[in-house]
Amino acid sequence: MGWAEAKLPEWVSSQEPPLITLDSLIPIQHDANAPLRYMSFDIECLPDHGEMPKAEVSPVILISMAFEPEYKGQKDLVLVERI
Protein backbone atom coordinates (compact mmCIF):
# COMPACT_ATOMS: atom_id res chain seq x y z
CA MET A 1 0.00 0.00 0.00
CA GLY A 2 1.16 3.50 -0.67
CA TRP A 3 0.25 6.88 -2.01
CA ALA A 4 0.02 7.66 -5.73
CA GLU A 5 -0.64 10.78 -7.74
CA ALA A 6 -2.83 10.63 -10.86
CA LYS A 7 -2.23 13.17 -13.60
CA LEU A 8 -5.53 14.07 -15.24
CA PRO A 9 -5.73 15.13 -18.87
CA GLU A 10 -6.49 18.84 -19.36
CA TRP A 11 -9.71 18.06 -21.25
CA VAL A 12 -11.36 16.36 -18.25
CA SER A 13 -14.25 18.44 -16.94
CA SER A 14 -15.20 18.51 -13.27
CA GLN A 15 -18.68 17.08 -14.06
CA GLU A 16 -17.60 13.76 -15.56
CA PRO A 17 -15.74 10.98 -13.76
CA PRO A 18 -12.09 10.97 -14.84
CA LEU A 19 -10.57 7.99 -16.65
CA ILE A 20 -7.37 7.08 -14.82
CA THR A 21 -5.10 4.43 -16.30
CA LEU A 22 -2.51 2.43 -14.37
CA ASP A 23 0.37 3.95 -16.32
CA SER A 24 -0.78 7.46 -15.34
CA LEU A 25 -0.18 6.72 -11.62
CA ILE A 26 3.03 8.10 -10.12
CA PRO A 27 4.16 6.69 -6.73
CA ILE A 28 4.82 9.45 -4.18
CA GLN A 29 5.96 9.61 -0.57
CA HIS A 30 3.24 11.39 1.39
CA ASP A 31 3.17 10.78 5.14
CA ALA A 32 1.95 14.18 6.33
CA ASN A 33 -1.80 13.51 6.25
CA ALA A 34 -2.16 9.84 7.14
CA PRO A 35 0.84 7.60 7.72
CA LEU A 36 0.10 4.00 6.86
CA ARG A 37 -0.25 1.61 9.79
CA TYR A 38 -0.58 -2.14 9.72
CA MET A 39 -1.94 -4.73 12.10
CA SER A 40 -2.17 -8.43 11.30
CA PHE A 41 -4.26 -10.80 13.40
CA ASP A 42 -4.22 -14.61 13.49
CA ILE A 43 -6.15 -17.22 15.48
CA GLU A 44 -5.12 -20.88 15.66
CA CYS A 45 -7.55 -23.56 16.80
CA LEU A 46 -7.02 -27.18 17.81
CA PRO A 47 -8.85 -29.36 15.26
CA ASP A 48 -10.44 -32.67 16.20
CA HIS A 49 -8.97 -35.79 14.50
CA GLY A 50 -7.05 -33.75 11.89
CA GLU A 51 -10.20 -32.15 10.48
CA MET A 52 -10.76 -28.45 9.86
CA PRO A 53 -11.48 -26.60 13.12
CA LYS A 54 -15.15 -26.01 13.93
CA ALA A 55 -16.17 -22.81 15.70
CA GLU A 56 -18.59 -24.67 17.97
CA VAL A 57 -16.12 -27.22 19.40
CA SER A 58 -12.48 -26.42 18.50
CA PRO A 59 -10.65 -24.56 21.28
CA VAL A 60 -8.58 -21.49 20.46
CA ILE A 61 -4.95 -22.30 21.35
CA LEU A 62 -3.09 -19.25 20.03
CA ILE A 63 -3.89 -15.64 19.13
CA SER A 64 -1.20 -13.45 17.60
CA MET A 65 -1.01 -9.85 16.43
CA ALA A 66 1.76 -7.90 14.72
CA PHE A 67 1.98 -4.10 14.53
CA GLU A 68 3.82 -1.63 12.30
CA PRO A 69 4.71 0.88 13.63
CA GLU A 70 5.18 -0.45 17.15
CA TYR A 71 2.24 -0.11 19.54
CA LYS A 72 3.23 0.83 23.11
CA GLY A 73 6.73 -0.51 22.45
CA GLN A 74 5.49 -3.85 21.08
CA LYS A 75 5.99 -5.12 17.51
CA ASP A 76 3.99 -8.29 18.16
CA LEU A 77 1.87 -9.97 20.79
CA VAL A 78 1.25 -13.72 21.13
CA LEU A 79 -1.26 -15.26 23.52
CA VAL A 80 -0.96 -19.04 24.03
CA GLU A 81 -3.38 -21.40 25.82
CA ARG A 82 -1.96 -24.43 27.59
CA ILE A 83 -4.06 -27.56 27.14
PDB file of N, CA and C in Angstrom:
ATOM      1  N   MET A   1       0.837  -1.174   0.000  1.00  0.00           N
ATOM      2  CA  MET A   1       0.000   0.000   0.000  1.00  0.00           C
ATOM      3  C   MET A   1       0.879   1.233   0.000  1.00  0.00           C
ATOM      4  N   GLY A   2       0.412   2.263  -0.630  1.00  0.00           N
ATOM      5  CA  GLY A   2       1.156   3.502  -0.668  1.00  0.00           C
ATOM      6  C   GLY A   2       0.345   4.573  -1.360  1.00  0.00           C
ATOM      7  N   TRP A   3       0.896   5.748  -1.380  1.00  0.00           N
ATOM      8  CA  TRP A   3       0.251   6.883  -2.013  1.00  0.00           C
ATOM      9  C   TRP A   3       0.652   6.953  -3.484  1.00  0.00           C
ATOM     10  N   ALA A   4      -0.258   7.460  -4.310  1.00  0.00           N
ATOM     11  CA  ALA A   4       0.023   7.658  -5.728  1.00  0.00           C
ATOM     12  C   ALA A   4      -0.663   8.934  -6.180  1.00  0.00           C
ATOM     13  N   GLU A   5      -0.051   9.570  -7.160  1.00  0.00           N
ATOM     14  CA  GLU A   5      -0.635  10.775  -7.744  1.00  0.00           C
ATOM     15  C   GLU A   5      -1.102  10.425  -9.145  1.00  0.00           C
ATOM     16  N   ALA A   6      -2.292  10.891  -9.524  1.00  0.00           N
ATOM     17  CA  ALA A   6      -2.832  10.626 -10.855  1.00  0.00           C
ATOM     18  C   ALA A   6      -2.894  11.942 -11.625  1.00  0.00           C
ATOM     19  N   LYS A   7      -2.185  11.994 -12.736  1.00  0.00           N
ATOM     20  CA  LYS A   7      -2.229  13.171 -13.603  1.00  0.00           C
ATOM     21  C   LYS A   7      -3.461  13.069 -14.489  1.00  0.00           C
ATOM     22  N   LEU A   8      -4.318  14.056 -14.421  1.00  0.00           N
ATOM     23  CA  LEU A   8      -5.526  14.068 -15.242  1.00  0.00           C
ATOM     24  C   LEU A   8      -5.279  14.854 -16.525  1.00  0.00           C
ATOM     25  N   PRO A   9      -5.844  14.365 -17.629  1.00  0.00           N
ATOM     26  CA  PRO A   9      -5.726  15.133 -18.872  1.00  0.00           C
ATOM     27  C   PRO A   9      -6.404  16.491 -18.732  1.00  0.00           C
ATOM     28  N   GLU A  10      -5.931  17.482 -19.451  1.00  0.00           N
ATOM     29  CA  GLU A  10      -6.490  18.842 -19.363  1.00  0.00           C
ATOM     30  C   GLU A  10      -7.941  18.895 -19.802  1.00  0.00           C
ATOM     31  N   TRP A  11      -8.352  18.003 -20.711  1.00  0.00           N
ATOM     32  CA  TRP A  11      -9.708  18.059 -21.252  1.00  0.00           C
ATOM     33  C   TRP A  11     -10.766  17.504 -20.295  1.00  0.00           C
ATOM     34  N   VAL A  12     -10.387  16.920 -19.178  1.00  0.00           N
ATOM     35  CA  VAL A  12     -11.365  16.360 -18.250  1.00  0.00           C
ATOM     36  C   VAL A  12     -12.113  17.486 -17.546  1.00  0.00           C
ATOM     37  N   SER A  13     -13.449  17.432 -17.636  1.00  0.00           N
ATOM     38  CA  SER A  13     -14.254  18.438 -16.944  1.00  0.00           C
ATOM     39  C   SER A  13     -14.544  17.960 -15.528  1.00  0.00           C
ATOM     40  N   SER A  14     -14.932  18.865 -14.663  1.00  0.00           N
ATOM     41  CA  SER A  14     -15.203  18.511 -13.271  1.00  0.00           C
ATOM     42  C   SER A  14     -16.534  17.786 -13.108  1.00  0.00           C
ATOM     43  N   GLN A  15     -17.364  17.707 -14.172  1.00  0.00           N
ATOM     44  CA  GLN A  15     -18.676  17.079 -14.058  1.00  0.00           C
ATOM     45  C   GLN A  15     -18.685  15.625 -14.510  1.00  0.00           C
ATOM     46  N   GLU A  16     -17.637  15.155 -15.134  1.00  0.00           N
ATOM     47  CA  GLU A  16     -17.605  13.762 -15.565  1.00  0.00           C
ATOM     48  C   GLU A  16     -16.528  13.011 -14.781  1.00  0.00           C
ATOM     49  N   PRO A  17     -16.753  11.728 -14.498  1.00  0.00           N
ATOM     50  CA  PRO A  17     -15.735  10.982 -13.762  1.00  0.00           C
ATOM     51  C   PRO A  17     -14.475  10.818 -14.614  1.00  0.00           C
ATOM     52  N   PRO A  18     -13.317  11.055 -14.055  1.00  0.00           N
ATOM     53  CA  PRO A  18     -12.086  10.969 -14.843  1.00  0.00           C
ATOM     54  C   PRO A  18     -11.707   9.521 -15.133  1.00  0.00           C
ATOM     55  N   LEU A  19     -11.096   9.287 -16.285  1.00  0.00           N
ATOM     56  CA  LEU A  19     -10.566   7.988 -16.646  1.00  0.00           C
ATOM     57  C   LEU A  19      -9.090   7.981 -16.269  1.00  0.00           C
ATOM     58  N   ILE A  20      -8.746   7.141 -15.295  1.00  0.00           N
ATOM     59  CA  ILE A  20      -7.368   7.079 -14.821  1.00  0.00           C
ATOM     60  C   ILE A  20      -6.821   5.711 -15.178  1.00  0.00           C
ATOM     61  N   THR A  21      -5.725   5.694 -15.922  1.00  0.00           N
ATOM     62  CA  THR A  21      -5.102   4.434 -16.300  1.00  0.00           C
ATOM     63  C   THR A  21      -3.950   4.129 -15.353  1.00  0.00           C
ATOM     64  N   LEU A  22      -3.578   2.856 -15.273  1.00  0.00           N
ATOM     65  CA  LEU A  22      -2.514   2.427 -14.375  1.00  0.00           C
ATOM     66  C   LEU A  22      -1.197   3.129 -14.692  1.00  0.00           C
ATOM     67  N   ASP A  23      -0.903   3.322 -15.968  1.00  0.00           N
ATOM     68  CA  ASP A  23       0.368   3.953 -16.324  1.00  0.00           C
ATOM     69  C   ASP A  23       0.389   5.454 -16.049  1.00  0.00           C
ATOM     70  N   SER A  24      -0.762   6.035 -15.695  1.00  0.00           N
ATOM     71  CA  SER A  24      -0.784   7.457 -15.340  1.00  0.00           C
ATOM     72  C   SER A  24      -0.524   7.686 -13.850  1.00  0.00           C
ATOM     73  N   LEU A  25      -0.430   6.599 -13.056  1.00  0.00           N
ATOM     74  CA  LEU A  25      -0.183   6.724 -11.620  1.00  0.00           C
ATOM     75  C   LEU A  25       1.307   6.880 -11.353  1.00  0.00           C
ATOM     76  N   ILE A  26       1.645   7.828 -10.486  1.00  0.00           N
ATOM     77  CA  ILE A  26       3.025   8.098 -10.117  1.00  0.00           C
ATOM     78  C   ILE A  26       3.149   7.881  -8.607  1.00  0.00           C
ATOM     79  N   PRO A  27       3.989   6.906  -8.174  1.00  0.00           N
ATOM     80  CA  PRO A  27       4.161   6.694  -6.728  1.00  0.00           C
ATOM     81  C   PRO A  27       4.791   7.919  -6.071  1.00  0.00           C
ATOM     82  N   ILE A  28       4.267   8.307  -4.917  1.00  0.00           N
ATOM     83  CA  ILE A  28       4.821   9.446  -4.180  1.00  0.00           C
ATOM     84  C   ILE A  28       4.953   9.069  -2.705  1.00  0.00           C
ATOM     85  N   GLN A  29       5.833   9.765  -2.025  1.00  0.00           N
ATOM     86  CA  GLN A  29       5.964   9.613  -0.574  1.00  0.00           C
ATOM     87  C   GLN A  29       5.148  10.732   0.056  1.00  0.00           C
ATOM     88  N   HIS A  30       4.129  10.383   0.814  1.00  0.00           N
ATOM     89  CA  HIS A  30       3.238  11.393   1.394  1.00  0.00           C
ATOM     90  C   HIS A  30       2.774  10.903   2.757  1.00  0.00           C
ATOM     91  N   ASP A  31       3.508  11.235   3.798  1.00  0.00           N
ATOM     92  CA  ASP A  31       3.170  10.782   5.144  1.00  0.00           C
ATOM     93  C   ASP A  31       2.513  11.862   5.995  1.00  0.00           C
ATOM     94  N   ALA A  32       2.425  13.066   5.505  1.00  0.00           N
ATOM     95  CA  ALA A  32       1.955  14.179   6.327  1.00  0.00           C
ATOM     96  C   ALA A  32       0.501  14.020   6.774  1.00  0.00           C
ATOM     97  N   ASN A  33      -0.379  13.570   5.901  1.00  0.00           N
ATOM     98  CA  ASN A  33      -1.796  13.508   6.251  1.00  0.00           C
ATOM     99  C   ASN A  33      -2.180  12.243   7.007  1.00  0.00           C
ATOM    100  N   ALA A  34      -1.748  11.107   6.528  1.00  0.00           N
ATOM    101  CA  ALA A  34      -2.162   9.842   7.141  1.00  0.00           C
ATOM    102  C   ALA A  34      -1.079   8.791   6.935  1.00  0.00           C
ATOM    103  N   PRO A  35      -0.179   8.642   7.878  1.00  0.00           N
ATOM    104  CA  PRO A  35       0.837   7.602   7.724  1.00  0.00           C
ATOM    105  C   PRO A  35       0.177   6.222   7.752  1.00  0.00           C
ATOM    106  N   LEU A  36       0.680   5.332   6.912  1.00  0.00           N
ATOM    107  CA  LEU A  36       0.103   3.995   6.856  1.00  0.00           C
ATOM    108  C   LEU A  36       0.484   3.210   8.106  1.00  0.00           C
ATOM    109  N   ARG A  37      -0.470   2.463   8.624  1.00  0.00           N
ATOM    110  CA  ARG A  37      -0.250   1.607   9.789  1.00  0.00           C
ATOM    111  C   ARG A  37      -0.802   0.237   9.447  1.00  0.00           C
ATOM    112  N   TYR A  38      -0.168  -0.781  10.011  1.00  0.00           N
ATOM    113  CA  TYR A  38      -0.576  -2.142   9.717  1.00  0.00           C
ATOM    114  C   TYR A  38      -0.791  -2.904  11.014  1.00  0.00           C
ATOM    115  N   MET A  39      -1.773  -3.788  11.015  1.00  0.00           N
ATOM    116  CA  MET A  39      -1.942  -4.735  12.102  1.00  0.00           C
ATOM    117  C   MET A  39      -2.414  -6.047  11.478  1.00  0.00           C
ATOM    118  N   SER A  40      -1.710  -7.118  11.759  1.00  0.00           N
ATOM    119  CA  SER A  40      -2.171  -8.430  11.303  1.00  0.00           C
ATOM    120  C   SER A  40      -2.627  -9.225  12.517  1.00  0.00           C
ATOM    121  N   PHE A  41      -3.594 -10.082  12.311  1.00  0.00           N
ATOM    122  CA  PHE A  41      -4.260 -10.796  13.395  1.00  0.00           C
ATOM    123  C   PHE A  41      -4.430 -12.249  12.962  1.00  0.00           C
ATOM    124  N   ASP A  42      -4.114 -13.200  13.838  1.00  0.00           N
ATOM    125  CA  ASP A  42      -4.219 -14.613  13.489  1.00  0.00           C
ATOM    126  C   ASP A  42      -4.736 -15.393  14.689  1.00  0.00           C
ATOM    127  N   ILE A  43      -5.624 -16.335  14.444  1.00  0.00           N
ATOM    128  CA  ILE A  43      -6.152 -17.221  15.482  1.00  0.00           C
ATOM    129  C   ILE A  43      -5.890 -18.657  15.044  1.00  0.00           C
ATOM    130  N   GLU A  44      -5.335 -19.451  15.932  1.00  0.00           N
ATOM    131  CA  GLU A  44      -5.122 -20.876  15.663  1.00  0.00           C
ATOM    132  C   GLU A  44      -6.011 -21.687  16.601  1.00  0.00           C
ATOM    133  N   CYS A  45      -6.668 -22.689  16.032  1.00  0.00           N
ATOM    134  CA  CYS A  45      -7.554 -23.559  16.804  1.00  0.00           C
ATOM    135  C   CYS A  45      -7.030 -24.989  16.750  1.00  0.00           C
ATOM    136  N   LEU A  46      -7.408 -25.784  17.747  1.00  0.00           N
ATOM    137  CA  LEU A  46      -7.018 -27.184  17.807  1.00  0.00           C
ATOM    138  C   LEU A  46      -8.104 -28.017  17.133  1.00  0.00           C
ATOM    139  N   PRO A  47      -7.819 -28.566  15.957  1.00  0.00           N
ATOM    140  CA  PRO A  47      -8.845 -29.356  15.261  1.00  0.00           C
ATOM    141  C   PRO A  47      -9.020 -30.729  15.913  1.00  0.00           C
ATOM    142  N   ASP A  48     -10.136 -31.350  15.657  1.00  0.00           N
ATOM    143  CA  ASP A  48     -10.445 -32.672  16.197  1.00  0.00           C
ATOM    144  C   ASP A  48     -10.168 -33.722  15.124  1.00  0.00           C
ATOM    145  N   HIS A  49      -9.296 -34.671  15.403  1.00  0.00           N
ATOM    146  CA  HIS A  49      -8.966 -35.787  14.502  1.00  0.00           C
ATOM    147  C   HIS A  49      -8.433 -35.315  13.151  1.00  0.00           C
ATOM    148  N   GLY A  50      -7.657 -34.225  13.124  1.00  0.00           N
ATOM    149  CA  GLY A  50      -7.047 -33.752  11.886  1.00  0.00           C
ATOM    150  C   GLY A  50      -7.995 -33.062  10.918  1.00  0.00           C
ATOM    151  N   GLU A  51      -9.224 -32.816  11.342  1.00  0.00           N
ATOM    152  CA  GLU A  51     -10.204 -32.153  10.482  1.00  0.00           C
ATOM    153  C   GLU A  51     -10.021 -30.635  10.568  1.00  0.00           C
ATOM    154  N   MET A  52     -10.745 -29.913   9.755  1.00  0.00           N
ATOM    155  CA  MET A  52     -10.755 -28.454   9.856  1.00  0.00           C
ATOM    156  C   MET A  52     -11.392 -28.069  11.193  1.00  0.00           C
ATOM    157  N   PRO A  53     -10.873 -27.027  11.851  1.00  0.00           N
ATOM    158  CA  PRO A  53     -11.479 -26.597  13.119  1.00  0.00           C
ATOM    159  C   PRO A  53     -12.933 -26.168  12.926  1.00  0.00           C
ATOM    160  N   LYS A  54     -13.737 -26.422  13.949  1.00  0.00           N
ATOM    161  CA  LYS A  54     -15.151 -26.014  13.930  1.00  0.00           C
ATOM    162  C   LYS A  54     -15.362 -25.001  15.043  1.00  0.00           C
ATOM    163  N   ALA A  55     -15.987 -23.898  14.733  1.00  0.00           N
ATOM    164  CA  ALA A  55     -16.174 -22.813  15.698  1.00  0.00           C
ATOM    165  C   ALA A  55     -16.888 -23.278  16.961  1.00  0.00           C
ATOM    166  N   GLU A  56     -17.791 -24.236  16.835  1.00  0.00           N
ATOM    167  CA  GLU A  56     -18.592 -24.672  17.973  1.00  0.00           C
ATOM    168  C   GLU A  56     -17.806 -25.515  18.977  1.00  0.00           C
ATOM    169  N   VAL A  57     -16.769 -26.255  18.521  1.00  0.00           N
ATOM    170  CA  VAL A  57     -16.123 -27.217  19.405  1.00  0.00           C
ATOM    171  C   VAL A  57     -14.600 -27.097  19.482  1.00  0.00           C
ATOM    172  N   SER A  58     -13.949 -26.480  18.526  1.00  0.00           N
ATOM    173  CA  SER A  58     -12.479 -26.422  18.499  1.00  0.00           C
ATOM    174  C   SER A  58     -11.968 -25.295  19.387  1.00  0.00           C
ATOM    175  N   PRO A  59     -11.153 -25.617  20.392  1.00  0.00           N
ATOM    176  CA  PRO A  59     -10.654 -24.564  21.278  1.00  0.00           C
ATOM    177  C   PRO A  59      -9.602 -23.691  20.589  1.00  0.00           C
ATOM    178  N   VAL A  60      -9.606 -22.420  20.933  1.00  0.00           N
ATOM    179  CA  VAL A  60      -8.583 -21.495  20.459  1.00  0.00           C
ATOM    180  C   VAL A  60      -7.324 -21.748  21.288  1.00  0.00           C
ATOM    181  N   ILE A  61      -6.187 -22.014  20.621  1.00  0.00           N
ATOM    182  CA  ILE A  61      -4.953 -22.299  21.349  1.00  0.00           C
ATOM    183  C   ILE A  61      -3.909 -21.200  21.195  1.00  0.00           C
ATOM    184  N   LEU A  62      -4.071 -20.306  20.226  1.00  0.00           N
ATOM    185  CA  LEU A  62      -3.091 -19.246  20.026  1.00  0.00           C
ATOM    186  C   LEU A  62      -3.739 -18.074  19.311  1.00  0.00           C
ATOM    187  N   ILE A  63      -3.469 -16.883  19.797  1.00  0.00           N
ATOM    188  CA  ILE A  63      -3.888 -15.644  19.133  1.00  0.00           C
ATOM    189  C   ILE A  63      -2.638 -14.800  18.986  1.00  0.00           C
ATOM    190  N   SER A  64      -2.381 -14.291  17.785  1.00  0.00           N
ATOM    191  CA  SER A  64      -1.201 -13.449  17.601  1.00  0.00           C
ATOM    192  C   SER A  64      -1.569 -12.196  16.816  1.00  0.00           C
ATOM    193  N   MET A  65      -0.841 -11.125  17.120  1.00  0.00           N
ATOM    194  CA  MET A  65      -1.007  -9.854  16.427  1.00  0.00           C
ATOM    195  C   MET A  65       0.375  -9.279  16.159  1.00  0.00           C
ATOM    196  N   ALA A  66       0.515  -8.593  15.041  1.00  0.00           N
ATOM    197  CA  ALA A  66       1.763  -7.900  14.720  1.00  0.00           C
ATOM    198  C   ALA A  66       1.413  -6.472  14.321  1.00  0.00           C
ATOM    199  N   PHE A  67       2.270  -5.520  14.731  1.00  0.00           N
ATOM    200  CA  PHE A  67       1.985  -4.100  14.526  1.00  0.00           C
ATOM    201  C   PHE A  67       3.132  -3.430  13.781  1.00  0.00           C
ATOM    202  N   GLU A  68       2.819  -2.487  12.934  1.00  0.00           N
ATOM    203  CA  GLU A  68       3.820  -1.628  12.298  1.00  0.00           C
ATOM    204  C   GLU A  68       3.175  -0.264  12.092  1.00  0.00           C
ATOM    205  N   PRO A  69       3.597   0.783  12.711  1.00  0.00           N
ATOM    206  CA  PRO A  69       4.713   0.882  13.630  1.00  0.00           C
ATOM    207  C   PRO A  69       4.384   0.234  14.970  1.00  0.00           C
ATOM    208  N   GLU A  70       5.366   0.172  15.838  1.00  0.00           N
ATOM    209  CA  GLU A  70       5.175  -0.448  17.145  1.00  0.00           C
ATOM    210  C   GLU A  70       4.012   0.198  17.893  1.00  0.00           C
ATOM    211  N   TYR A  71       3.326  -0.605  18.705  1.00  0.00           N
ATOM    212  CA  TYR A  71       2.241  -0.112  19.544  1.00  0.00           C
ATOM    213  C   TYR A  71       2.660  -0.274  20.999  1.00  0.00           C
ATOM    214  N   LYS A  72       2.801   0.826  21.707  1.00  0.00           N
ATOM    215  CA  LYS A  72       3.231   0.830  23.113  1.00  0.00           C
ATOM    216  C   LYS A  72       4.505  -0.001  23.302  1.00  0.00           C
ATOM    217  N   GLY A  73       5.449   0.167  22.363  1.00  0.00           N
ATOM    218  CA  GLY A  73       6.730  -0.514  22.452  1.00  0.00           C
ATOM    219  C   GLY A  73       6.721  -1.966  22.003  1.00  0.00           C
ATOM    220  N   GLN A  74       5.602  -2.456  21.505  1.00  0.00           N
ATOM    221  CA  GLN A  74       5.493  -3.854  21.079  1.00  0.00           C
ATOM    222  C   GLN A  74       5.378  -3.938  19.564  1.00  0.00           C
ATOM    223  N   LYS A  75       6.144  -4.840  18.945  1.00  0.00           N
ATOM    224  CA  LYS A  75       5.989  -5.123  17.515  1.00  0.00           C
ATOM    225  C   LYS A  75       5.026  -6.283  17.290  1.00  0.00           C
ATOM    226  N   ASP A  76       4.934  -7.180  18.277  1.00  0.00           N
ATOM    227  CA  ASP A  76       3.994  -8.292  18.163  1.00  0.00           C
ATOM    228  C   ASP A  76       3.534  -8.729  19.551  1.00  0.00           C
ATOM    229  N   LEU A  77       2.454  -9.470  19.561  1.00  0.00           N
ATOM    230  CA  LEU A  77       1.867  -9.975  20.792  1.00  0.00           C
ATOM    231  C   LEU A  77       1.336 -11.369  20.500  1.00  0.00           C
ATOM    232  N   VAL A  78       1.705 -12.346  21.304  1.00  0.00           N
ATOM    233  CA  VAL A  78       1.251 -13.723  21.128  1.00  0.00           C
ATOM    234  C   VAL A  78       0.646 -14.202  22.430  1.00  0.00           C
ATOM    235  N   LEU A  79      -0.577 -14.700  22.355  1.00  0.00           N
ATOM    236  CA  LEU A  79      -1.259 -15.263  23.522  1.00  0.00           C
ATOM    237  C   LEU A  79      -1.422 -16.762  23.276  1.00  0.00           C
ATOM    238  N   VAL A  80      -0.939 -17.584  24.206  1.00  0.00           N
ATOM    239  CA  VAL A  80      -0.962 -19.042  24.035  1.00  0.00           C
ATOM    240  C   VAL A  80      -1.759 -19.666  25.161  1.00  0.00           C
ATOM    241  N   GLU A  81      -2.596 -20.650  24.837  1.00  0.00           N
ATOM    242  CA  GLU A  81      -3.384 -21.402  25.818  1.00  0.00           C
ATOM    243  C   GLU A  81      -2.726 -22.756  26.036  1.00  0.00           C
ATOM    244  N   ARG A  82      -2.499 -23.095  27.270  1.00  0.00           N
ATOM    245  CA  ARG A  82      -1.956 -24.427  27.590  1.00  0.00           C
ATOM    246  C   ARG A  82      -3.111 -25.406  27.725  1.00  0.00           C
ATOM    247  N   ILE A  83      -2.990 -26.548  27.102  1.00  0.00           N
ATOM    248  CA  ILE A  83      -4.058 -27.560  27.143  1.00  0.00           C
ATOM    249  C   ILE A  83      -3.624 -28.726  27.999  1.00  0.00           C
TER     250      ILE A  83
END
